[in-house]
Amino acid sequence: MNIYRYLTGPDDAAFCHRVTEALNKGWQLYGSPTLTFDPVKGRVICGQAIVKEVAGKTYSADMKLSEQ
């Protein structure tokens, strides 16, 4: 089974740590990162798609993808 997640957050060290943690749990980057500016909060927001192949499982809409 292939699973997909899209991580988002402020462009800061915490976001980079979230992506790094996912990579070290077997996720792979999918495409290029995205950036947008939040004028209300005055900060840049990052986004990064990640994918992972999980053997022996069947997809269910109630599964917690971050725990796979």
Protein backbone atom coordinates (compact mmCIF):
# COMPACT_ATOMS: atom_id res chain seq x y z
CA MET A 1 0.00 0.00 0.00
CA ASN A 2 1.25 3.50 -0.82
CA ILE A 3 0.40 6.33 1.56
CA TYR A 4 0.65 10.09 1.11
CA ARG A 5 0.96 13.02 3.49
CA TYR A 6 1.38 16.75 2.99
CA LEU A 7 3.27 18.47 5.77
CA THR A 8 2.76 22.20 6.28
CA GLY A 9 3.94 24.77 8.76
CA PRO A 10 5.90 27.96 9.31
CA ASP A 11 9.31 28.09 7.61
CA ASP A 12 11.30 27.38 10.74
CA ALA A 13 13.49 24.75 12.36
CA ALA A 14 10.46 22.88 13.72
CA PHE A 15 9.15 22.30 10.19
CA CYS A 16 12.55 21.03 9.05
CA HIS A 17 12.65 18.67 12.04
CA ARG A 18 9.19 17.30 11.14
CA VAL A 19 10.34 16.55 7.58
CA THR A 20 13.62 15.06 8.83
CA GLU A 21 11.75 12.85 11.31
CA ALA A 22 9.46 11.58 8.56
CA LEU A 23 12.43 10.81 6.28
CA ASN A 24 14.05 8.82 9.08
CA LYS A 25 10.83 6.83 9.52
CA GLY A 26 10.95 5.66 5.90
CA TRP A 27 8.98 8.42 4.15
CA GLN A 28 10.31 9.86 0.88
CA LEU A 29 10.00 13.36 -0.52
CA TYR A 30 7.42 13.64 -3.28
CA GLY A 31 7.95 16.62 -5.54
CA SER A 32 9.35 19.99 -4.66
CA PRO A 33 8.55 21.95 -1.50
CA THR A 34 6.10 24.82 -1.74
CA LEU A 35 6.16 28.23 -0.07
CA THR A 36 3.54 30.88 0.47
CA PHE A 37 3.39 34.05 2.52
CA ASP A 38 0.80 34.57 5.26
CA PRO A 39 0.34 38.37 5.31
CA VAL A 40 -1.80 38.26 8.45
CA LYS A 41 0.89 36.58 10.55
CA GLY A 42 3.76 37.99 8.50
CA ARG A 43 5.52 34.69 7.92
CA VAL A 44 6.36 32.18 5.22
CA ILE A 45 4.51 28.83 5.26
CA CYS A 46 6.18 25.70 3.85
CA GLY A 47 4.62 22.58 2.42
CA GLN A 48 6.20 19.26 1.48
CA ALA A 49 4.50 16.16 0.13
CA ILE A 50 5.86 12.82 1.33
CA VAL A 51 5.04 9.22 0.40
CA LYS A 52 5.72 5.81 1.88
CA GLU A 53 5.16 2.23 0.80
CA VAL A 54 3.81 0.04 3.60
CA ALA A 55 3.77 -3.72 3.10
CA GLY A 56 1.08 -5.98 4.46
CA LYS A 57 -1.56 -3.32 5.14
CA THR A 58 -4.77 -2.33 3.41
CA TYR A 59 -5.86 1.28 3.21
CA SER A 60 -8.68 2.45 5.43
CA ALA A 61 -9.97 6.03 5.73
CA ASP A 62 -9.73 5.89 9.52
CA MET A 63 -6.02 4.96 9.67
CA LYS A 64 -3.61 7.50 11.11
CA LEU A 65 -1.15 8.00 8.26
CA SER A 66 1.46 9.63 10.50
CA GLU A 67 1.69 6.41 12.52
CA GLN A 68 2.42 4.15 9.55
